[in-house]
Each structure stands twice: as C-alpha cells, then as structure tokens.
Amino acid sequence: MMLSQYFHVKSALELANQEAGTTVWFAIKLSSSRFGIFDAFPDEASREAHLAGPIAAALMANATELLAEPPII
C-alpha cells in the first residue's frame, strides 16, 4: 500500500469511528491491487446514513482514480 493510500484509509476509518451507527469498519487488502471494505450496522437506517455520508461521497468523487470498476454495494 502506498503512503497516500494509507492516509486515505486512515481518514476513512476516523470518519467511520465518528458515525454512531457504524459498529465496525475494516479496510482489507485482498491482493496487491484489490481492496475491500467491510462495515456493519445495527439497522438499515444506520447503513443508509453511512452510505449517504462523507466516506461514500469521497469514494464516489474519486472512483475513477481509485477503482478499476464501479463498487459493489
């Protein structure tokens, strides 16, 4: 993982930790070029709030730079 990628992940983790409805948030390195995010929520309202929040907005704003294809949510 490049240093700039590390800071993106660390920033996202800090944001997730501020969300009352996000009970866990993990960034997972699957291979040298594949990554995943696992997060969990106590209810659908918390999940929807997370998907409408700053992490998802930042991911989508930078999707063409960060992702080879659209994310699967």
PDB file of N, CA and C in Angstrom:
ATOM      1  N   MET A   1       0.851  -1.173   0.000  1.00  0.00           N
ATOM      2  CA  MET A   1       0.000   0.000   0.000  1.00  0.00           C
ATOM      3  C   MET A   1       0.894   1.233   0.000  1.00  0.00           C
ATOM      4  N   MET A   2       0.590   2.141  -0.894  1.00  0.00           N
ATOM      5  CA  MET A   2       1.351   3.377  -0.956  1.00  0.00           C
ATOM      6  C   MET A   2       0.977   4.267   0.225  1.00  0.00           C
ATOM      7  N   LEU A   3       1.885   5.154   0.596  1.00  0.00           N
ATOM      8  CA  LEU A   3       1.654   6.035   1.738  1.00  0.00           C
ATOM      9  C   LEU A   3       0.384   6.862   1.554  1.00  0.00           C
ATOM     10  N   SER A   4       0.150   7.377   0.346  1.00  0.00           N
ATOM     11  CA  SER A   4      -1.058   8.182   0.116  1.00  0.00           C
ATOM     12  C   SER A   4      -2.316   7.343   0.305  1.00  0.00           C
ATOM     13  N   GLN A   5      -2.275   6.071  -0.089  1.00  0.00           N
ATOM     14  CA  GLN A   5      -3.422   5.182   0.116  1.00  0.00           C
ATOM     15  C   GLN A   5      -3.645   4.954   1.605  1.00  0.00           C
ATOM     16  N   TYR A   6      -2.572   4.817   2.359  1.00  0.00           N
ATOM     17  CA  TYR A   6      -2.679   4.629   3.804  1.00  0.00           C
ATOM     18  C   TYR A   6      -3.423   5.796   4.441  1.00  0.00           C
ATOM     19  N   PHE A   7      -3.088   7.014   4.044  1.00  0.00           N
ATOM     20  CA  PHE A   7      -3.746   8.177   4.632  1.00  0.00           C
ATOM     21  C   PHE A   7      -5.219   8.252   4.241  1.00  0.00           C
ATOM     22  N   HIS A   8      -5.574   7.817   3.028  1.00  0.00           N
ATOM     23  CA  HIS A   8      -6.990   7.762   2.641  1.00  0.00           C
ATOM     24  C   HIS A   8      -7.732   6.782   3.546  1.00  0.00           C
ATOM     25  N   VAL A   9      -7.148   5.614   3.774  1.00  0.00           N
ATOM     26  CA  VAL A   9      -7.784   4.602   4.620  1.00  0.00           C
ATOM     27  C   VAL A   9      -7.885   5.104   6.055  1.00  0.00           C
ATOM     28  N   LYS A  10      -6.815   5.705   6.562  1.00  0.00           N
ATOM     29  CA  LYS A  10      -6.834   6.215   7.937  1.00  0.00           C
ATOM     30  C   LYS A  10      -7.891   7.300   8.093  1.00  0.00           C
ATOM     31  N   SER A  11      -8.018   8.185   7.118  1.00  0.00           N
ATOM     32  CA  SER A  11      -9.038   9.234   7.179  1.00  0.00           C
ATOM     33  C   SER A  11     -10.433   8.641   7.168  1.00  0.00           C
ATOM     34  N   ALA A  12     -10.650   7.618   6.335  1.00  0.00           N
ATOM     35  CA  ALA A  12     -11.960   6.967   6.279  1.00  0.00           C
ATOM     36  C   ALA A  12     -12.276   6.283   7.607  1.00  0.00           C
ATOM     37  N   LEU A  13     -11.289   5.644   8.206  1.00  0.00           N
ATOM     38  CA  LEU A  13     -11.506   4.994   9.499  1.00  0.00           C
ATOM     39  C   LEU A  13     -11.894   6.017  10.558  1.00  0.00           C
ATOM     40  N   GLU A  14     -11.221   7.153  10.572  1.00  0.00           N
ATOM     41  CA  GLU A  14     -11.548   8.199  11.541  1.00  0.00           C
ATOM     42  C   GLU A  14     -12.985   8.684  11.353  1.00  0.00           C
ATOM     43  N   LEU A  15     -13.418   8.834  10.103  1.00  0.00           N
ATOM     44  CA  LEU A  15     -14.798   9.241   9.838  1.00  0.00           C
ATOM     45  C   LEU A  15     -15.776   8.163  10.283  1.00  0.00           C
ATOM     46  N   ALA A  16     -15.470   6.905   9.984  1.00  0.00           N
ATOM     47  CA  ALA A  16     -16.353   5.800  10.382  1.00  0.00           C
ATOM     48  C   ALA A  16     -16.482   5.733  11.899  1.00  0.00           C
ATOM     49  N   ASN A  17     -15.396   5.989  12.599  1.00  0.00           N
ATOM     50  CA  ASN A  17     -15.434   5.957  14.066  1.00  0.00           C
ATOM     51  C   ASN A  17     -16.318   7.060  14.646  1.00  0.00           C
ATOM     52  N   GLN A  18     -16.570   8.103  13.876  1.00  0.00           N
ATOM     53  CA  GLN A  18     -17.437   9.193  14.327  1.00  0.00           C
ATOM     54  C   GLN A  18     -18.916   8.898  14.077  1.00  0.00           C
ATOM     55  N   GLU A  19     -19.209   7.879  13.290  1.00  0.00           N
ATOM     56  CA  GLU A  19     -20.592   7.532  12.971  1.00  0.00           C
ATOM     57  C   GLU A  19     -21.149   6.607  14.048  1.00  0.00           C
ATOM     58  N   ALA A  20     -22.152   7.068  14.758  1.00  0.00           N
ATOM     59  CA  ALA A  20     -22.728   6.264  15.841  1.00  0.00           C
ATOM     60  C   ALA A  20     -23.285   4.938  15.334  1.00  0.00           C
ATOM     61  N   GLY A  21     -23.785   4.909  14.115  1.00  0.00           N
ATOM     62  CA  GLY A  21     -24.405   3.702  13.588  1.00  0.00           C
ATOM     63  C   GLY A  21     -23.472   2.745  12.882  1.00  0.00           C
ATOM     64  N   THR A  22     -22.200   3.099  12.741  1.00  0.00           N
ATOM     65  CA  THR A  22     -21.235   2.186  12.124  1.00  0.00           C
ATOM     66  C   THR A  22     -20.525   1.456  13.253  1.00  0.00           C
ATOM     67  N   THR A  23     -20.894   0.186  13.455  1.00  0.00           N
ATOM     68  CA  THR A  23     -20.344  -0.550  14.597  1.00  0.00           C
ATOM     69  C   THR A  23     -18.960  -1.115  14.315  1.00  0.00           C
ATOM     70  N   VAL A  24     -18.676  -1.485  13.075  1.00  0.00           N
ATOM     71  CA  VAL A  24     -17.327  -1.911  12.681  1.00  0.00           C
ATOM     72  C   VAL A  24     -17.051  -1.415  11.268  1.00  0.00           C
ATOM     73  N   TRP A  25     -15.770  -1.130  10.978  1.00  0.00           N
ATOM     74  CA  TRP A  25     -15.352  -0.699   9.649  1.00  0.00           C
ATOM     75  C   TRP A  25     -13.933  -1.201   9.438  1.00  0.00           C
ATOM     76  N   PHE A  26     -13.750  -2.035   8.424  1.00  0.00           N
ATOM     77  CA  PHE A  26     -12.433  -2.589   8.118  1.00  0.00           C
ATOM     78  C   PHE A  26     -12.102  -2.356   6.653  1.00  0.00           C
ATOM     79  N   ALA A  27     -10.888  -1.941   6.366  1.00  0.00           N
ATOM     80  CA  ALA A  27     -10.352  -1.924   5.010  1.00  0.00           C
ATOM     81  C   ALA A  27      -9.465  -3.156   4.896  1.00  0.00           C
ATOM     82  N   ILE A  28      -9.672  -3.930   3.845  1.00  0.00           N
ATOM     83  CA  ILE A  28      -8.990  -5.210   3.692  1.00  0.00           C
ATOM     84  C   ILE A  28      -8.201  -5.208   2.388  1.00  0.00           C
ATOM     85  N   LYS A  29      -6.922  -5.564   2.459  1.00  0.00           N
ATOM     86  CA  LYS A  29      -6.109  -5.702   1.255  1.00  0.00           C
ATOM     87  C   LYS A  29      -6.195  -7.157   0.812  1.00  0.00           C
ATOM     88  N   LEU A  30      -6.833  -7.392  -0.333  1.00  0.00           N
ATOM     89  CA  LEU A  30      -7.046  -8.743  -0.838  1.00  0.00           C
ATOM     90  C   LEU A  30      -5.878  -9.234  -1.689  1.00  0.00           C
ATOM     91  N   SER A  31      -5.219  -8.322  -2.380  1.00  0.00           N
ATOM     92  CA  SER A  31      -4.043  -8.636  -3.196  1.00  0.00           C
ATOM     93  C   SER A  31      -3.299  -7.322  -3.418  1.00  0.00           C
ATOM     94  N   SER A  32      -2.287  -7.347  -4.262  1.00  0.00           N
ATOM     95  CA  SER A  32      -1.510  -6.124  -4.479  1.00  0.00           C
ATOM     96  C   SER A  32      -2.334  -5.008  -5.117  1.00  0.00           C
ATOM     97  N   SER A  33      -3.427  -5.356  -5.781  1.00  0.00           N
ATOM     98  CA  SER A  33      -4.238  -4.336  -6.445  1.00  0.00           C
ATOM     99  C   SER A  33      -5.727  -4.418  -6.119  1.00  0.00           C
ATOM    100  N   ARG A  34      -6.105  -5.275  -5.188  1.00  0.00           N
ATOM    101  CA  ARG A  34      -7.523  -5.433  -4.833  1.00  0.00           C
ATOM    102  C   ARG A  34      -7.725  -5.177  -3.345  1.00  0.00           C
ATOM    103  N   PHE A  35      -8.732  -4.371  -3.064  1.00  0.00           N
ATOM    104  CA  PHE A  35      -9.052  -3.996  -1.698  1.00  0.00           C
ATOM    105  C   PHE A  35     -10.545  -4.172  -1.472  1.00  0.00           C
ATOM    106  N   GLY A  36     -10.923  -4.310  -0.231  1.00  0.00           N
ATOM    107  CA  GLY A  36     -12.333  -4.398   0.115  1.00  0.00           C
ATOM    108  C   GLY A  36     -12.594  -3.611   1.378  1.00  0.00           C
ATOM    109  N   ILE A  37     -13.846  -3.281   1.584  1.00  0.00           N
ATOM    110  CA  ILE A  37     -14.270  -2.624   2.817  1.00  0.00           C
ATOM    111  C   ILE A  37     -15.393  -3.456   3.403  1.00  0.00           C
ATOM    112  N   PHE A  38     -15.282  -3.767   4.685  1.00  0.00           N
ATOM    113  CA  PHE A  38     -16.339  -4.470   5.404  1.00  0.00           C
ATOM    114  C   PHE A  38     -16.800  -3.556   6.516  1.00  0.00           C
ATOM    115  N   ASP A  39     -18.082  -3.267   6.536  1.00  0.00           N
ATOM    116  CA  ASP A  39     -18.637  -2.486   7.632  1.00  0.00           C
ATOM    117  C   ASP A  39     -19.969  -3.084   8.043  1.00  0.00           C
ATOM    118  N   ALA A  40     -20.363  -2.823   9.282  1.00  0.00           N
ATOM    119  CA  ALA A  40     -21.602  -3.399   9.811  1.00  0.00           C
ATOM    120  C   ALA A  40     -22.381  -2.332  10.564  1.00  0.00           C
ATOM    121  N   PHE A  41     -23.699  -2.519  10.554  1.00  0.00           N
ATOM    122  CA  PHE A  41     -24.614  -1.537  11.125  1.00  0.00           C
ATOM    123  C   PHE A  41     -25.709  -2.255  11.900  1.00  0.00           C
ATOM    124  N   PRO A  42     -26.228  -1.641  12.960  1.00  0.00           N
ATOM    125  CA  PRO A  42     -27.272  -2.298  13.750  1.00  0.00           C
ATOM    126  C   PRO A  42     -28.631  -2.317  13.059  1.00  0.00           C
ATOM    127  N   ASP A  43     -28.815  -1.419  12.071  1.00  0.00           N
ATOM    128  CA  ASP A  43     -30.110  -1.365  11.398  1.00  0.00           C
ATOM    129  C   ASP A  43     -29.952  -0.705  10.025  1.00  0.00           C
ATOM    130  N   GLU A  44     -31.003  -0.785   9.237  1.00  0.00           N
ATOM    131  CA  GLU A  44     -30.973  -0.241   7.876  1.00  0.00           C
ATOM    132  C   GLU A  44     -30.806   1.278   7.871  1.00  0.00           C
ATOM    133  N   ALA A  45     -31.381   1.962   8.834  1.00  0.00           N
ATOM    134  CA  ALA A  45     -31.247   3.422   8.895  1.00  0.00           C
ATOM    135  C   ALA A  45     -29.783   3.835   9.075  1.00  0.00           C
ATOM    136  N   SER A  46     -29.047   3.103   9.896  1.00  0.00           N
ATOM    137  CA  SER A  46     -27.622   3.396  10.099  1.00  0.00           C
ATOM    138  C   SER A  46     -26.830   3.123   8.832  1.00  0.00           C
ATOM    139  N   ARG A  47     -27.162   2.051   8.137  1.00  0.00           N
ATOM    140  CA  ARG A  47     -26.495   1.716   6.868  1.00  0.00           C
ATOM    141  C   ARG A  47     -26.745   2.812   5.839  1.00  0.00           C
ATOM    142  N   GLU A  48     -27.987   3.244   5.722  1.00  0.00           N
ATOM    143  CA  GLU A  48     -28.331   4.293   4.763  1.00  0.00           C
ATOM    144  C   GLU A  48     -27.646   5.610   5.114  1.00  0.00           C
ATOM    145  N   ALA A  49     -27.552   5.926   6.400  1.00  0.00           N
ATOM    146  CA  ALA A  49     -26.857   7.145   6.827  1.00  0.00           C
ATOM    147  C   ALA A  49     -25.385   7.075   6.441  1.00  0.00           C
ATOM    148  N   HIS A  50     -24.771   5.915   6.628  1.00  0.00           N
ATOM    149  CA  HIS A  50     -23.367   5.735   6.258  1.00  0.00           C
ATOM    150  C   HIS A  50     -23.177   5.909   4.749  1.00  0.00           C
ATOM    151  N   LEU A  51     -24.056   5.286   3.965  1.00  0.00           N
ATOM    152  CA  LEU A  51     -23.942   5.368   2.508  1.00  0.00           C
ATOM    153  C   LEU A  51     -24.202   6.777   1.980  1.00  0.00           C
ATOM    154  N   ALA A  52     -24.878   7.605   2.755  1.00  0.00           N
ATOM    155  CA  ALA A  52     -25.126   8.995   2.377  1.00  0.00           C
ATOM    156  C   ALA A  52     -24.096   9.939   2.994  1.00  0.00           C
ATOM    157  N   GLY A  53     -23.123   9.390   3.722  1.00  0.00           N
ATOM    158  CA  GLY A  53     -22.162  10.195   4.460  1.00  0.00           C
ATOM    159  C   GLY A  53     -20.889  10.512   3.705  1.00  0.00           C
ATOM    160  N   PRO A  54     -19.916  11.087   4.409  1.00  0.00           N
ATOM    161  CA  PRO A  54     -18.692  11.583   3.780  1.00  0.00           C
ATOM    162  C   PRO A  54     -17.769  10.503   3.219  1.00  0.00           C
ATOM    163  N   ILE A  55     -17.758   9.306   3.788  1.00  0.00           N
ATOM    164  CA  ILE A  55     -16.882   8.250   3.257  1.00  0.00           C
ATOM    165  C   ILE A  55     -17.348   7.838   1.870  1.00  0.00           C
ATOM    166  N   ALA A  56     -18.637   7.551   1.741  1.00  0.00           N
ATOM    167  CA  ALA A  56     -19.182   7.156   0.441  1.00  0.00           C
ATOM    168  C   ALA A  56     -19.051   8.293  -0.568  1.00  0.00           C
ATOM    169  N   ALA A  57     -19.278   9.519  -0.129  1.00  0.00           N
ATOM    170  CA  ALA A  57     -19.155  10.666  -1.028  1.00  0.00           C
ATOM    171  C   ALA A  57     -17.725  10.805  -1.542  1.00  0.00           C
ATOM    172  N   ALA A  58     -16.747  10.647  -0.657  1.00  0.00           N
ATOM    173  CA  ALA A  58     -15.343  10.746  -1.070  1.00  0.00           C
ATOM    174  C   ALA A  58     -14.968   9.607  -2.009  1.00  0.00           C
ATOM    175  N   LEU A  59     -15.447   8.408  -1.715  1.00  0.00           N
ATOM    176  CA  LEU A  59     -15.157   7.268  -2.582  1.00  0.00           C
ATOM    177  C   LEU A  59     -15.723   7.507  -3.977  1.00  0.00           C
ATOM    178  N   MET A  60     -16.964   7.931  -4.050  1.00  0.00           N
ATOM    179  CA  MET A  60     -17.586   8.141  -5.349  1.00  0.00           C
ATOM    180  C   MET A  60     -16.954   9.319  -6.091  1.00  0.00           C
ATOM    181  N   ALA A  61     -16.541  10.356  -5.375  1.00  0.00           N
ATOM    182  CA  ALA A  61     -15.899  11.509  -6.007  1.00  0.00           C
ATOM    183  C   ALA A  61     -14.551  11.139  -6.611  1.00  0.00           C
ATOM    184  N   ASN A  62     -13.899  10.120  -6.046  1.00  0.00           N
ATOM    185  CA  ASN A  62     -12.582   9.692  -6.519  1.00  0.00           C
ATOM    186  C   ASN A  62     -12.614   8.315  -7.168  1.00  0.00           C
ATOM    187  N   ALA A  63     -13.793   7.837  -7.515  1.00  0.00           N
ATOM    188  CA  ALA A  63     -13.956   6.466  -8.007  1.00  0.00           C
ATOM    189  C   ALA A  63     -13.118   6.179  -9.246  1.00  0.00           C
ATOM    190  N   THR A  64     -13.070   7.092 -10.199  1.00  0.00           N
ATOM    191  CA  THR A  64     -12.321   6.809 -11.422  1.00  0.00           C
ATOM    192  C   THR A  64     -10.826   6.692 -11.158  1.00  0.00           C
ATOM    193  N   GLU A  65     -10.329   7.404 -10.157  1.00  0.00           N
ATOM    194  CA  GLU A  65      -8.904   7.334  -9.804  1.00  0.00           C
ATOM    195  C   GLU A  65      -8.595   6.101  -8.958  1.00  0.00           C
ATOM    196  N   LEU A  66      -9.508   5.751  -8.050  1.00  0.00           N
ATOM    197  CA  LEU A  66      -9.242   4.689  -7.083  1.00  0.00           C
ATOM    198  C   LEU A  66      -9.712   3.306  -7.515  1.00  0.00           C
ATOM    199  N   LEU A  67     -10.737   3.244  -8.360  1.00  0.00           N
ATOM    200  CA  LEU A  67     -11.371   1.966  -8.667  1.00  0.00           C
ATOM    201  C   LEU A  67     -11.253   1.609 -10.143  1.00  0.00           C
ATOM    202  N   ALA A  68     -11.034   0.327 -10.409  1.00  0.00           N
ATOM    203  CA  ALA A  68     -10.975  -0.157 -11.783  1.00  0.00           C
ATOM    204  C   ALA A  68     -12.375  -0.325 -12.362  1.00  0.00           C
ATOM    205  N   GLU A  69     -13.360  -0.482 -11.486  1.00  0.00           N
ATOM    206  CA  GLU A  69     -14.758  -0.636 -11.900  1.00  0.00           C
ATOM    207  C   GLU A  69     -15.642  -0.092 -10.785  1.00  0.00           C
ATOM    208  N   PRO A  70     -16.920   0.163 -11.064  1.00  0.00           N
ATOM    209  CA  PRO A  70     -17.801   0.695 -10.018  1.00  0.00           C
ATOM    210  C   PRO A  70     -17.861  -0.239  -8.808  1.00  0.00           C
ATOM    211  N   PRO A  71     -18.005   0.332  -7.605  1.00  0.00           N
ATOM    212  CA  PRO A  71     -18.056  -0.504  -6.401  1.00  0.00           C
ATOM    213  C   PRO A  71     -19.330  -1.343  -6.354  1.00  0.00           C
ATOM    214  N   ILE A  72     -19.233  -2.484  -5.710  1.00  0.00           N
ATOM    215  CA  ILE A  72     -20.388  -3.341  -5.461  1.00  0.00           C
ATOM    216  C   ILE A  72     -20.813  -3.080  -4.024  1.00  0.00           C
ATOM    217  N   ILE A  73     -22.014  -2.548  -3.855  1.00  0.00           N
ATOM    218  CA  ILE A  73     -22.507  -2.206  -2.516  1.00  0.00           C
ATOM    219  C   ILE A  73     -23.680  -3.097  -2.191  1.00  0.00           C
TER     220      ILE A  73
END
